[in-house]
Amino acid sequence: MLQRIQTIYLLFVFLIQLAGFIFLPQRLLYSGVSVEVNQSYILLISNLLLIVVPFWNIFQFRNRKRQFVLNRVLLLIILGVLLNQCTGYFNSDSNETHQLLACVVPMLTIIFLSLANKGIKRDEDLVRSADRLR
């Protein structure tokens, strides 16, 4: 069922991460060095996972447990990316605005992934309560 609210939240995660990947390609490493996302394998793989997996996760609506677990894994990945970006922002000598925007993208992603998990849990509880009535 693609009309559920978590589908919209996962679509927002996909769009936010894709926009961040395209329009904010420069990221900070934890040491404060500014690099392109394509130059660091860890940043490239984590950003590609954060773009592809939420889009794929939208179509996994029949298996809510898998959706929930994948969203939790994505939350761990995005927390690592956020920690890396914020640590690099505070360790760099020149604090630029686009680097601060690169810190906002993971924060929005965390919010929408948490809301999607809340919607998935609500659906799972609704199905369990309907099974109890049978």
N, C-alpha and C. Protein backbone atom coordinates (compact mmCIF):
# COMPACT_ATOMS: atom_id res chain seq x y z
N MET A 1 0.83 -1.17 0.00
CA MET A 1 0.00 0.00 0.00
C MET A 1 0.89 1.24 0.00
N LEU A 2 0.98 1.84 -1.15
CA LEU A 2 1.85 2.99 -1.30
C LEU A 2 1.26 4.29 -0.76
N GLN A 3 0.02 4.28 -0.33
CA GLN A 3 -0.61 5.51 0.14
C GLN A 3 -0.39 5.75 1.63
N ARG A 4 0.47 5.00 2.26
CA ARG A 4 0.70 5.18 3.69
C ARG A 4 1.62 6.39 3.93
N ILE A 5 1.58 6.93 5.13
CA ILE A 5 2.33 8.14 5.46
C ILE A 5 3.84 7.89 5.45
N GLN A 6 4.27 6.67 5.82
CA GLN A 6 5.70 6.41 5.83
C GLN A 6 6.28 6.40 4.42
N THR A 7 5.46 6.16 3.42
CA THR A 7 5.91 6.24 2.04
C THR A 7 6.30 7.68 1.70
N ILE A 8 5.51 8.62 2.17
CA ILE A 8 5.82 10.03 1.93
C ILE A 8 7.10 10.43 2.66
N TYR A 9 7.25 9.96 3.90
CA TYR A 9 8.46 10.27 4.65
C TYR A 9 9.70 9.67 4.00
N LEU A 10 9.59 8.44 3.52
CA LEU A 10 10.73 7.81 2.84
C LEU A 10 11.03 8.51 1.51
N LEU A 11 10.01 9.00 0.84
CA LEU A 11 10.22 9.76 -0.38
C LEU A 11 10.93 11.07 -0.07
N PHE A 12 10.57 11.72 1.04
CA PHE A 12 11.27 12.93 1.46
C PHE A 12 12.74 12.64 1.76
N VAL A 13 13.02 11.52 2.41
CA VAL A 13 14.41 11.13 2.70
C VAL A 13 15.17 10.97 1.40
N PHE A 14 14.57 10.27 0.44
CA PHE A 14 15.20 10.06 -0.86
C PHE A 14 15.49 11.40 -1.54
N LEU A 15 14.51 12.30 -1.56
CA LEU A 15 14.68 13.58 -2.25
C LEU A 15 15.70 14.48 -1.55
N ILE A 16 15.67 14.50 -0.22
CA ILE A 16 16.62 15.33 0.53
C ILE A 16 18.04 14.84 0.31
N GLN A 17 18.24 13.53 0.39
CA GLN A 17 19.58 12.99 0.20
C GLN A 17 20.07 13.18 -1.23
N LEU A 18 19.17 13.03 -2.20
CA LEU A 18 19.55 13.24 -3.60
C LEU A 18 19.91 14.69 -3.85
N ALA A 19 19.13 15.62 -3.31
CA ALA A 19 19.44 17.04 -3.45
C ALA A 19 20.75 17.40 -2.77
N GLY A 20 20.99 16.83 -1.60
CA GLY A 20 22.25 17.07 -0.91
C GLY A 20 23.44 16.52 -1.67
N PHE A 21 23.26 15.38 -2.31
CA PHE A 21 24.33 14.76 -3.10
C PHE A 21 24.63 15.59 -4.35
N ILE A 22 23.60 16.14 -4.97
CA ILE A 22 23.79 16.90 -6.21
C ILE A 22 24.24 18.33 -5.94
N PHE A 23 23.57 19.02 -5.03
CA PHE A 23 23.81 20.44 -4.84
C PHE A 23 24.85 20.77 -3.77
N LEU A 24 25.16 19.84 -2.90
CA LEU A 24 26.19 20.05 -1.86
C LEU A 24 27.23 18.93 -1.93
N PRO A 25 28.01 18.89 -3.00
CA PRO A 25 28.94 17.76 -3.16
C PRO A 25 30.16 17.84 -2.24
N GLN A 26 30.46 19.02 -1.70
CA GLN A 26 31.63 19.14 -0.83
C GLN A 26 31.22 18.83 0.59
N ARG A 27 31.96 17.94 1.21
CA ARG A 27 31.72 17.57 2.60
C ARG A 27 33.02 17.73 3.37
N LEU A 28 32.89 17.77 4.66
CA LEU A 28 34.05 17.86 5.54
C LEU A 28 34.32 16.51 6.16
N LEU A 29 35.59 16.16 6.18
CA LEU A 29 35.99 14.98 6.94
C LEU A 29 36.14 15.40 8.40
N TYR A 30 36.26 14.43 9.28
CA TYR A 30 36.35 14.74 10.71
C TYR A 30 37.56 15.59 11.04
N SER A 31 38.59 15.60 10.17
CA SER A 31 39.78 16.40 10.41
C SER A 31 39.61 17.85 9.99
N GLY A 32 38.50 18.17 9.33
CA GLY A 32 38.26 19.53 8.89
C GLY A 32 38.65 19.79 7.45
N VAL A 33 39.06 18.76 6.74
CA VAL A 33 39.46 18.89 5.35
C VAL A 33 38.22 18.77 4.47
N SER A 34 38.06 19.71 3.55
CA SER A 34 36.92 19.69 2.65
C SER A 34 37.24 18.82 1.43
N VAL A 35 36.38 17.85 1.16
CA VAL A 35 36.57 16.96 0.01
C VAL A 35 35.26 16.82 -0.74
N GLU A 36 35.37 16.41 -1.99
CA GLU A 36 34.19 16.06 -2.77
C GLU A 36 33.69 14.70 -2.28
N VAL A 37 32.41 14.46 -2.41
CA VAL A 37 31.85 13.17 -1.99
C VAL A 37 32.46 12.05 -2.82
N ASN A 38 32.74 12.32 -4.10
CA ASN A 38 33.30 11.30 -4.98
C ASN A 38 34.74 10.93 -4.63
N GLN A 39 35.45 11.76 -3.88
CA GLN A 39 36.84 11.49 -3.56
C GLN A 39 37.02 10.56 -2.37
N SER A 40 36.04 10.47 -1.52
CA SER A 40 36.12 9.61 -0.35
C SER A 40 35.16 8.44 -0.52
N TYR A 41 35.71 7.24 -0.47
CA TYR A 41 34.88 6.05 -0.69
C TYR A 41 33.82 5.87 0.40
N ILE A 42 34.19 6.19 1.62
CA ILE A 42 33.24 6.02 2.72
C ILE A 42 32.06 6.99 2.56
N LEU A 43 32.36 8.24 2.22
CA LEU A 43 31.28 9.22 2.00
C LEU A 43 30.43 8.85 0.79
N LEU A 44 31.07 8.37 -0.26
CA LEU A 44 30.34 8.00 -1.47
C LEU A 44 29.41 6.82 -1.21
N ILE A 45 29.92 5.78 -0.57
CA ILE A 45 29.10 4.59 -0.29
C ILE A 45 27.96 4.94 0.66
N SER A 46 28.25 5.70 1.72
CA SER A 46 27.19 6.03 2.67
C SER A 46 26.12 6.91 2.02
N ASN A 47 26.51 7.86 1.19
CA ASN A 47 25.52 8.70 0.52
C ASN A 47 24.72 7.93 -0.50
N LEU A 48 25.35 7.03 -1.24
CA LEU A 48 24.60 6.21 -2.19
C LEU A 48 23.62 5.28 -1.47
N LEU A 49 24.04 4.73 -0.34
CA LEU A 49 23.11 3.90 0.45
C LEU A 49 21.93 4.72 0.95
N LEU A 50 22.20 5.95 1.37
CA LEU A 50 21.15 6.81 1.88
C LEU A 50 20.23 7.35 0.78
N ILE A 51 20.64 7.20 -0.47
CA ILE A 51 19.78 7.59 -1.59
C ILE A 51 18.99 6.39 -2.09
N VAL A 52 19.65 5.26 -2.27
CA VAL A 52 19.04 4.09 -2.92
C VAL A 52 18.12 3.32 -1.97
N VAL A 53 18.57 3.08 -0.76
CA VAL A 53 17.82 2.22 0.16
C VAL A 53 16.45 2.80 0.55
N PRO A 54 16.31 4.10 0.84
CA PRO A 54 14.95 4.59 1.13
C PRO A 54 14.00 4.46 -0.06
N PHE A 55 14.52 4.68 -1.28
CA PHE A 55 13.66 4.52 -2.45
C PHE A 55 13.24 3.06 -2.62
N TRP A 56 14.19 2.15 -2.41
CA TRP A 56 13.87 0.72 -2.49
C TRP A 56 12.94 0.30 -1.36
N ASN A 57 13.13 0.93 -0.20
CA ASN A 57 12.35 0.61 0.99
C ASN A 57 10.87 1.01 0.84
N ILE A 58 10.60 1.97 -0.01
CA ILE A 58 9.22 2.37 -0.27
C ILE A 58 8.42 1.19 -0.80
N PHE A 59 9.03 0.39 -1.66
CA PHE A 59 8.34 -0.71 -2.31
C PHE A 59 8.38 -2.01 -1.50
N GLN A 60 8.90 -1.97 -0.30
CA GLN A 60 8.92 -3.13 0.60
C GLN A 60 7.77 -3.05 1.60
N PHE A 61 6.62 -2.51 1.15
CA PHE A 61 5.51 -2.28 2.06
C PHE A 61 4.87 -3.56 2.55
N ARG A 62 5.09 -4.66 1.89
CA ARG A 62 4.50 -5.93 2.34
C ARG A 62 5.25 -6.52 3.54
N ASN A 63 6.50 -6.13 3.70
CA ASN A 63 7.31 -6.65 4.81
C ASN A 63 7.68 -5.47 5.71
N ARG A 64 6.81 -5.16 6.65
CA ARG A 64 7.01 -4.00 7.52
C ARG A 64 8.20 -4.19 8.45
N LYS A 65 8.46 -5.41 8.87
CA LYS A 65 9.60 -5.64 9.76
C LYS A 65 10.91 -5.32 9.05
N ARG A 66 11.02 -5.71 7.79
CA ARG A 66 12.23 -5.40 7.02
C ARG A 66 12.36 -3.90 6.83
N GLN A 67 11.26 -3.22 6.57
CA GLN A 67 11.29 -1.77 6.44
C GLN A 67 11.79 -1.12 7.72
N PHE A 68 11.28 -1.60 8.83
CA PHE A 68 11.66 -1.04 10.13
C PHE A 68 13.15 -1.23 10.39
N VAL A 69 13.65 -2.44 10.12
CA VAL A 69 15.07 -2.73 10.36
C VAL A 69 15.96 -1.93 9.42
N LEU A 70 15.57 -1.83 8.16
CA LEU A 70 16.37 -1.05 7.21
C LEU A 70 16.40 0.42 7.59
N ASN A 71 15.29 0.93 8.09
CA ASN A 71 15.29 2.32 8.54
C ASN A 71 16.19 2.52 9.75
N ARG A 72 16.23 1.54 10.63
CA ARG A 72 17.14 1.63 11.78
C ARG A 72 18.61 1.62 11.34
N VAL A 73 18.93 0.78 10.36
CA VAL A 73 20.29 0.74 9.82
C VAL A 73 20.62 2.08 9.16
N LEU A 74 19.67 2.63 8.42
CA LEU A 74 19.89 3.94 7.79
C LEU A 74 20.08 5.03 8.84
N LEU A 75 19.36 4.93 9.94
CA LEU A 75 19.56 5.89 11.02
C LEU A 75 20.97 5.83 11.59
N LEU A 76 21.50 4.62 11.74
CA LEU A 76 22.88 4.48 12.23
C LEU A 76 23.88 5.07 11.24
N ILE A 77 23.65 4.81 9.95
CA ILE A 77 24.55 5.34 8.93
C ILE A 77 24.50 6.87 8.91
N ILE A 78 23.30 7.42 8.96
CA ILE A 78 23.17 8.87 8.90
C ILE A 78 23.71 9.54 10.16
N LEU A 79 23.62 8.87 11.30
CA LEU A 79 24.24 9.42 12.52
C LEU A 79 25.76 9.48 12.37
N GLY A 80 26.35 8.47 11.74
CA GLY A 80 27.78 8.50 11.48
C GLY A 80 28.17 9.62 10.53
N VAL A 81 27.37 9.82 9.49
CA VAL A 81 27.63 10.89 8.54
C VAL A 81 27.49 12.25 9.22
N LEU A 82 26.46 12.41 10.04
CA LEU A 82 26.25 13.66 10.76
C LEU A 82 27.38 13.93 11.74
N LEU A 83 27.81 12.92 12.46
CA LEU A 83 28.93 13.08 13.39
C LEU A 83 30.19 13.49 12.65
N ASN A 84 30.47 12.85 11.52
CA ASN A 84 31.64 13.19 10.72
C ASN A 84 31.57 14.62 10.22
N GLN A 85 30.42 15.02 9.69
CA GLN A 85 30.27 16.36 9.13
C GLN A 85 30.36 17.44 10.20
N CYS A 86 29.69 17.23 11.33
CA CYS A 86 29.71 18.24 12.39
C CYS A 86 31.09 18.35 13.05
N THR A 87 31.74 17.23 13.24
CA THR A 87 33.10 17.25 13.79
C THR A 87 34.05 17.98 12.84
N GLY A 88 33.91 17.71 11.55
CA GLY A 88 34.73 18.42 10.56
C GLY A 88 34.42 19.89 10.51
N TYR A 89 33.15 20.26 10.69
CA TYR A 89 32.76 21.66 10.67
C TYR A 89 33.40 22.42 11.84
N PHE A 90 33.42 21.79 13.00
CA PHE A 90 34.01 22.47 14.16
C PHE A 90 35.53 22.42 14.16
N ASN A 91 36.12 21.49 13.43
CA ASN A 91 37.58 21.40 13.34
C ASN A 91 38.15 22.24 12.21
N SER A 92 37.33 22.73 11.30
CA SER A 92 37.85 23.50 10.17
C SER A 92 38.09 24.94 10.58
N ASP A 93 39.02 25.57 9.87
CA ASP A 93 39.35 26.96 10.17
C ASP A 93 38.35 27.93 9.55
N SER A 94 37.89 27.61 8.35
CA SER A 94 36.94 28.51 7.67
C SER A 94 35.55 27.88 7.73
N ASN A 95 34.68 28.49 8.51
CA ASN A 95 33.31 28.00 8.63
C ASN A 95 32.47 28.61 7.52
N GLU A 96 32.15 27.80 6.52
CA GLU A 96 31.39 28.28 5.37
C GLU A 96 29.94 27.86 5.50
N THR A 97 29.07 28.64 4.87
CA THR A 97 27.64 28.40 4.98
C THR A 97 27.21 27.09 4.34
N HIS A 98 27.81 26.75 3.19
CA HIS A 98 27.39 25.52 2.52
C HIS A 98 27.79 24.29 3.33
N GLN A 99 28.83 24.39 4.16
CA GLN A 99 29.19 23.27 5.02
C GLN A 99 28.18 23.13 6.16
N LEU A 100 27.63 24.25 6.60
CA LEU A 100 26.59 24.18 7.62
C LEU A 100 25.31 23.58 7.03
N LEU A 101 25.01 23.90 5.77
CA LEU A 101 23.85 23.29 5.09
C LEU A 101 24.05 21.80 4.93
N ALA A 102 25.29 21.38 4.73
CA ALA A 102 25.59 19.94 4.63
C ALA A 102 25.37 19.25 5.97
N CYS A 103 25.37 19.99 7.07
CA CYS A 103 25.02 19.43 8.38
C CYS A 103 23.51 19.34 8.57
N VAL A 104 22.76 20.21 7.90
CA VAL A 104 21.30 20.23 8.05
C VAL A 104 20.65 19.06 7.32
N VAL A 105 21.23 18.66 6.19
CA VAL A 105 20.66 17.56 5.40
C VAL A 105 20.56 16.27 6.23
N PRO A 106 21.61 15.84 6.93
CA PRO A 106 21.45 14.63 7.76
C PRO A 106 20.45 14.79 8.91
N MET A 107 20.35 16.01 9.43
CA MET A 107 19.37 16.23 10.51
C MET A 107 17.94 16.05 10.00
N LEU A 108 17.65 16.60 8.82
CA LEU A 108 16.32 16.41 8.23
C LEU A 108 16.06 14.94 7.91
N THR A 109 17.10 14.26 7.46
CA THR A 109 16.97 12.84 7.16
C THR A 109 16.66 12.03 8.41
N ILE A 110 17.30 12.36 9.50
CA ILE A 110 17.04 11.67 10.77
C ILE A 110 15.59 11.89 11.20
N ILE A 111 15.11 13.11 11.06
CA ILE A 111 13.73 13.41 11.45
C ILE A 111 12.75 12.59 10.62
N PHE A 112 12.93 12.58 9.29
CA PHE A 112 11.98 11.87 8.44
C PHE A 112 12.09 10.35 8.58
N LEU A 113 13.29 9.83 8.81
CA LEU A 113 13.41 8.39 9.05
C LEU A 113 12.74 7.99 10.36
N SER A 114 12.87 8.83 11.37
CA SER A 114 12.20 8.54 12.64
C SER A 114 10.68 8.58 12.50
N LEU A 115 10.18 9.55 11.73
CA LEU A 115 8.74 9.62 11.49
C LEU A 115 8.26 8.41 10.68
N ALA A 116 9.07 7.97 9.72
CA ALA A 116 8.70 6.78 8.94
C ALA A 116 8.66 5.55 9.84
N ASN A 117 9.63 5.42 10.73
CA ASN A 117 9.62 4.28 11.66
C ASN A 117 8.39 4.33 12.58
N LYS A 118 8.01 5.52 12.98
CA LYS A 118 6.82 5.66 13.81
C LYS A 118 5.58 5.21 13.05
N GLY A 119 5.48 5.57 11.78
CA GLY A 119 4.35 5.15 10.95
C GLY A 119 4.33 3.65 10.72
N ILE A 120 5.51 3.06 10.49
CA ILE A 120 5.59 1.61 10.30
C ILE A 120 5.18 0.89 11.57
N LYS A 121 5.62 1.39 12.72
CA LYS A 121 5.25 0.76 13.99
C LYS A 121 3.75 0.88 14.22
N ARG A 122 3.16 2.01 13.87
CA ARG A 122 1.73 2.18 14.02
C ARG A 122 0.96 1.20 13.14
N ASP A 123 1.43 1.00 11.90
CA ASP A 123 0.80 0.02 11.01
C ASP A 123 0.92 -1.40 11.56
N GLU A 124 2.10 -1.72 12.08
CA GLU A 124 2.32 -3.06 12.62
C GLU A 124 1.42 -3.30 13.83
N ASP A 125 1.27 -2.30 14.69
CA ASP A 125 0.38 -2.44 15.84
C ASP A 125 -1.08 -2.59 15.41
N LEU A 126 -1.46 -1.87 14.36
CA LEU A 126 -2.82 -1.99 13.85
C LEU A 126 -3.10 -3.39 13.30
N VAL A 127 -2.13 -3.95 12.59
CA VAL A 127 -2.29 -5.31 12.04
C VAL A 127 -2.35 -6.33 13.17
N ARG A 128 -1.53 -6.16 14.19
CA ARG A 128 -1.54 -7.09 15.32
C ARG A 128 -2.86 -7.02 16.08
N SER A 129 -3.41 -5.84 16.21
CA SER A 129 -4.69 -5.72 16.92
C SER A 129 -5.82 -6.34 16.10
N ALA A 130 -5.73 -6.24 14.79
CA ALA A 130 -6.74 -6.88 13.94
C ALA A 130 -6.61 -8.39 13.98
N ASP A 131 -5.38 -8.90 14.09
CA ASP A 131 -5.18 -10.36 14.21
C ASP A 131 -5.71 -10.89 15.53
N ARG A 132 -5.65 -10.08 16.56
CA ARG A 132 -6.15 -10.50 17.87
C ARG A 132 -7.66 -10.67 17.86
N LEU A 133 -8.32 -9.87 17.05
CA LEU A 133 -9.78 -9.91 17.02
C LEU A 133 -10.31 -11.15 16.28
N ARG A 134 -9.51 -11.77 15.46
CA ARG A 134 -9.97 -12.92 14.68
C ARG A 134 -10.17 -14.14 15.51
